[in-house]
Amino acid sequence: MAETSISTSRPYEGGLALIDVLNRLEKLGWITGVQQWQVARERRNQPTHDYPDAPEIRRAILLSALALAQSIQADGERIKARLG
C-alpha cells in the first residue's frame, strides 16, 4: 500500500485514510490500539517545534515517546508474526 499523504485524514492507495487502516488493523487484532498510533504521530515533532528552549519538557516528551515507540514496536512484531 503506497502512502500518498502523512495525514491520518488523507487517502492512501485504495481510497482509505490512515485512520481507517489503523481502525481495521485494530478490529482484526493486528494492533493493540489506534489511539497510541495517533498520539505518536502528533508527538513526533513536538519536542523541537513546540519547546526548543525547554530541555526538561523535551526530555519528558521524549520519554513518553519512547514508551509509545515500544508499544508500537510490539504491534509491529505482532504483524510480522502474523505475516509469517
C-alpha atoms as a PDB file:
ATOM      1  CA  MET A   1       0.000   0.000   0.000  1.00  0.00           C
ATOM      2  CA  ALA A   2       1.686   3.239  -1.119  1.00  0.00           C
ATOM      3  CA  GLU A   3       1.401   6.290   1.102  1.00  0.00           C
ATOM      4  CA  THR A   4       0.225   9.455  -0.636  1.00  0.00           C
ATOM      5  CA  SER A   5      -0.035  11.575   2.491  1.00  0.00           C
ATOM      6  CA  ILE A   6       1.204  11.536   6.063  1.00  0.00           C
ATOM      7  CA  SER A   7      -2.080  12.920   7.359  1.00  0.00           C
ATOM      8  CA  THR A   8      -4.441  10.491   9.040  1.00  0.00           C
ATOM      9  CA  SER A   9      -7.344  12.071   7.179  1.00  0.00           C
ATOM     10  CA  ARG A  10      -5.963  11.981   3.639  1.00  0.00           C
ATOM     11  CA  PRO A  11      -6.377   8.985   1.352  1.00  0.00           C
ATOM     12  CA  TYR A  12      -3.932   6.178   0.810  1.00  0.00           C
ATOM     13  CA  GLU A  13      -3.870   3.979  -2.250  1.00  0.00           C
ATOM     14  CA  GLY A  14      -7.222   2.255  -2.428  1.00  0.00           C
ATOM     15  CA  GLY A  15      -9.063   5.288  -1.054  1.00  0.00           C
ATOM     16  CA  LEU A  16      -8.523   4.539   2.631  1.00  0.00           C
ATOM     17  CA  ALA A  17      -7.328   7.131   5.118  1.00  0.00           C
ATOM     18  CA  LEU A  18      -4.623   6.007   7.539  1.00  0.00           C
ATOM     19  CA  ILE A  19      -7.092   6.230  10.423  1.00  0.00           C
ATOM     20  CA  ASP A  20      -9.359   3.776   8.578  1.00  0.00           C
ATOM     21  CA  VAL A  21      -6.465   1.381   8.012  1.00  0.00           C
ATOM     22  CA  LEU A  22      -5.489   1.604  11.684  1.00  0.00           C
ATOM     23  CA  ASN A  23      -9.080   1.019  12.804  1.00  0.00           C
ATOM     24  CA  ARG A  24      -9.294  -2.060  10.576  1.00  0.00           C
ATOM     25  CA  LEU A  25      -5.995  -3.429  11.897  1.00  0.00           C
ATOM     26  CA  GLU A  26      -7.233  -2.958  15.451  1.00  0.00           C
ATOM     27  CA  LYS A  27     -10.503  -4.787  14.713  1.00  0.00           C
ATOM     28  CA  LEU A  28      -8.521  -7.658  13.236  1.00  0.00           C
ATOM     29  CA  GLY A  29      -6.336  -7.796  16.340  1.00  0.00           C
ATOM     30  CA  TRP A  30      -3.159  -6.871  14.470  1.00  0.00           C
ATOM     31  CA  ILE A  31      -2.518  -3.748  16.595  1.00  0.00           C
ATOM     32  CA  THR A  32      -3.488  -3.076  20.190  1.00  0.00           C
ATOM     33  CA  GLY A  33      -4.883   0.427  19.793  1.00  0.00           C
ATOM     34  CA  VAL A  34      -5.381   3.191  17.286  1.00  0.00           C
ATOM     35  CA  GLN A  35      -5.041   5.938  19.871  1.00  0.00           C
ATOM     36  CA  GLN A  36      -1.379   5.190  20.619  1.00  0.00           C
ATOM     37  CA  TRP A  37      -0.573   5.440  16.908  1.00  0.00           C
ATOM     38  CA  GLN A  38      -2.353   8.793  16.653  1.00  0.00           C
ATOM     39  CA  VAL A  39      -0.581  10.149  19.736  1.00  0.00           C
ATOM     40  CA  ALA A  40       2.791   9.026  18.369  1.00  0.00           C
ATOM     41  CA  ARG A  41       2.139  10.840  15.076  1.00  0.00           C
ATOM     42  CA  GLU A  42       1.120  14.011  16.915  1.00  0.00           C
ATOM     43  CA  ARG A  43       4.150  13.934  19.190  1.00  0.00           C
ATOM     44  CA  ARG A  44       6.873  13.125  16.694  1.00  0.00           C
ATOM     45  CA  ASN A  45       7.858  16.767  16.073  1.00  0.00           C
ATOM     46  CA  GLN A  46       6.628  18.292  19.305  1.00  0.00           C
ATOM     47  CA  PRO A  47       9.929  18.450  21.243  1.00  0.00           C
ATOM     48  CA  THR A  48      11.804  20.583  18.733  1.00  0.00           C
ATOM     49  CA  HIS A  49       8.941  22.657  17.358  1.00  0.00           C
ATOM     50  CA  ASP A  50       6.961  23.455  20.497  1.00  0.00           C
ATOM     51  CA  TYR A  51       9.700  23.567  23.146  1.00  0.00           C
ATOM     52  CA  PRO A  52      13.059  24.482  21.552  1.00  0.00           C
ATOM     53  CA  ASP A  53      14.388  26.185  24.724  1.00  0.00           C
ATOM     54  CA  ALA A  54      12.914  23.889  27.381  1.00  0.00           C
ATOM     55  CA  PRO A  55      15.144  20.826  27.776  1.00  0.00           C
ATOM     56  CA  GLU A  56      13.168  19.462  30.755  1.00  0.00           C
ATOM     57  CA  ILE A  57       9.924  19.471  28.784  1.00  0.00           C
ATOM     58  CA  ARG A  58      11.656  17.962  25.721  1.00  0.00           C
ATOM     59  CA  ARG A  59      13.068  15.200  27.933  1.00  0.00           C
ATOM     60  CA  ALA A  60       9.622  14.363  29.343  1.00  0.00           C
ATOM     61  CA  ILE A  61       8.134  14.304  25.845  1.00  0.00           C
ATOM     62  CA  LEU A  62      10.942  12.075  24.571  1.00  0.00           C
ATOM     63  CA  LEU A  63      10.498   9.625  27.458  1.00  0.00           C
ATOM     64  CA  SER A  64       6.784   9.483  26.685  1.00  0.00           C
ATOM     65  CA  ALA A  65       7.594   8.955  23.008  1.00  0.00           C
ATOM     66  CA  LEU A  66       9.915   6.092  23.935  1.00  0.00           C
ATOM     67  CA  ALA A  67       7.093   4.328  25.762  1.00  0.00           C
ATOM     68  CA  LEU A  68       4.831   4.825  22.742  1.00  0.00           C
ATOM     69  CA  ALA A  69       7.549   3.527  20.424  1.00  0.00           C
ATOM     70  CA  GLN A  70       7.917   0.372  22.485  1.00  0.00           C
ATOM     71  CA  SER A  71       4.179  -0.240  22.282  1.00  0.00           C
ATOM     72  CA  ILE A  72       4.135   0.362  18.541  1.00  0.00           C
ATOM     73  CA  GLN A  73       7.159  -1.909  18.139  1.00  0.00           C
ATOM     74  CA  ALA A  74       5.194  -4.667  19.875  1.00  0.00           C
ATOM     75  CA  ASP A  75       2.396  -4.125  17.341  1.00  0.00           C
ATOM     76  CA  GLY A  76       4.974  -4.381  14.547  1.00  0.00           C
ATOM     77  CA  GLU A  77       6.266  -7.665  15.932  1.00  0.00           C
ATOM     78  CA  ARG A  78       2.691  -8.962  16.139  1.00  0.00           C
ATOM     79  CA  ILE A  79       2.070  -8.025  12.490  1.00  0.00           C
ATOM     80  CA  LYS A  80       5.380  -9.563  11.428  1.00  0.00           C
ATOM     81  CA  ALA A  81       4.499 -12.825  13.185  1.00  0.00           C
ATOM     82  CA  ARG A  82       1.097 -12.971  11.505  1.00  0.00           C
ATOM     83  CA  LEU A  83       2.595 -12.378   8.075  1.00  0.00           C
ATOM     84  CA  GLY A  84       4.973 -15.258   8.616  1.00  0.00           C
END
